[in-house]
Protein backbone atom coordinates (compact mmCIF):
# COMPACT_ATOMS: atom_id res chain seq x y z
CA MET A 1 -0.03 0.00 0.01
CA GLY A 2 1.46 3.32 -1.09
CA GLY A 3 1.29 6.68 0.65
CA HIS A 4 4.79 7.40 1.67
CA ARG A 5 7.01 9.91 0.04
CA VAL A 6 10.74 9.60 -0.19
CA PHE A 7 13.49 12.01 -1.32
CA CYS A 8 17.00 10.59 -1.80
CA ASN A 9 20.26 12.33 -2.65
CA PRO A 10 22.55 9.24 -2.56
CA PRO A 11 26.30 9.16 -2.39
CA TYR A 12 27.64 9.52 -5.91
CA GLY A 13 30.11 6.74 -5.68
CA ARG A 14 30.33 3.17 -7.14
CA GLU A 15 27.33 1.96 -5.07
CA ILE A 16 24.89 4.45 -6.55
CA GLY A 17 23.30 1.67 -8.67
CA LYS A 18 22.20 -0.08 -5.49
CA TRP A 19 20.50 3.05 -4.25
CA VAL A 20 18.69 3.50 -7.64
CA GLU A 21 17.58 -0.17 -7.66
CA LYS A 22 16.28 0.22 -4.01
CA ALA A 23 14.26 3.32 -5.03
CA PHE A 24 12.79 1.46 -8.07
CA ARG A 25 11.93 -1.61 -5.96
CA THR A 26 10.34 0.54 -3.20
CA ASN A 27 8.09 2.09 -5.73
CA GLU A 28 7.28 -1.19 -7.47
CA ASP A 29 6.64 -3.14 -4.32
CA HIS A 30 4.99 -0.50 -2.13
CA GLY A 31 3.77 2.19 -4.45
CA ASN A 32 5.64 4.95 -2.71
CA LEU A 33 6.52 8.18 -4.38
CA VAL A 34 10.32 8.29 -4.64
CA VAL A 35 12.24 11.40 -5.82
CA MET A 36 16.02 11.16 -6.44
CA LEU A 37 18.68 13.70 -7.25
CA LEU A 38 21.24 11.93 -9.32
CA PRO A 39 24.16 12.56 -11.69
CA ALA A 40 22.85 12.38 -15.29
CA ARG A 41 24.87 9.31 -16.29
CA THR A 42 22.68 7.99 -19.04
CA ASP A 43 25.43 5.60 -20.18
CA THR A 44 25.25 3.39 -17.06
CA LYS A 45 23.55 0.07 -16.46
CA TRP A 46 21.63 1.42 -13.54
CA PHE A 47 20.13 4.15 -15.70
CA HIS A 48 18.92 1.72 -18.33
CA ASP A 49 17.81 -1.02 -15.87
CA TYR A 50 15.89 1.16 -13.33
CA ILE A 51 15.26 4.67 -14.78
CA TYR A 52 14.88 4.77 -18.58
CA HIS A 53 11.16 4.14 -19.52
CA LYS A 54 10.47 3.40 -15.83
CA ALA A 55 10.50 6.89 -14.26
CA GLU A 56 9.87 10.50 -14.97
CA ILE A 57 13.19 12.25 -15.68
CA ARG A 58 13.87 15.95 -15.33
CA PHE A 59 17.35 17.09 -16.63
CA ILE A 60 18.70 20.10 -14.72
CA ARG A 61 20.11 22.82 -16.94
CA GLY A 62 23.61 23.88 -15.90
CA ARG A 63 25.61 22.45 -13.09
CA LEU A 64 24.57 22.35 -9.44
CA LYS A 65 26.39 24.18 -6.68
CA PHE A 66 25.84 23.28 -3.02
CA GLY A 67 25.96 25.68 -0.13
CA ASP A 68 28.69 28.39 -0.39
CA SER A 69 30.89 26.34 -2.72
CA LYS A 70 32.63 28.34 -5.36
CA ASN A 71 32.77 25.34 -7.63
CA SER A 72 29.89 23.60 -9.40
CA ALA A 73 29.47 19.84 -9.93
CA PRO A 74 31.76 18.49 -12.74
CA PHE A 75 28.77 16.63 -14.25
CA PRO A 76 25.14 17.30 -15.21
CA SER A 77 22.29 16.26 -12.88
CA MET A 78 18.80 14.97 -13.11
CA VAL A 79 15.80 14.55 -10.91
CA VAL A 80 14.19 11.10 -11.18
CA VAL A 81 10.69 10.54 -9.97
CA TYR A 82 8.97 7.18 -9.43
CA GLY A 83 5.24 8.11 -9.22
CA GLN A 84 3.01 7.18 -6.31
CA LYS A 85 0.78 4.25 -6.97
CA GLY A 86 -2.54 3.28 -5.49
CA ASN A 87 -4.08 6.65 -4.97
């Protein structure tokens, strides 16, 4: 039964695919709304297995900067939304 809402900005390391898979499975199994801030790495296995044609994708124009940092991220970003089910 859905109803929960989750936002996730996972660590951007080698394990990111596990985070994306967990978000996908949480949505599939429980119908929860899951929103993720991710690097826009469209060439990865996790993108094709768990995001492409399975979630809503919003690509962010430009590069993100966090807090008072003078430097922006060295890669593009995207917001991925797995829609809430059962409502």
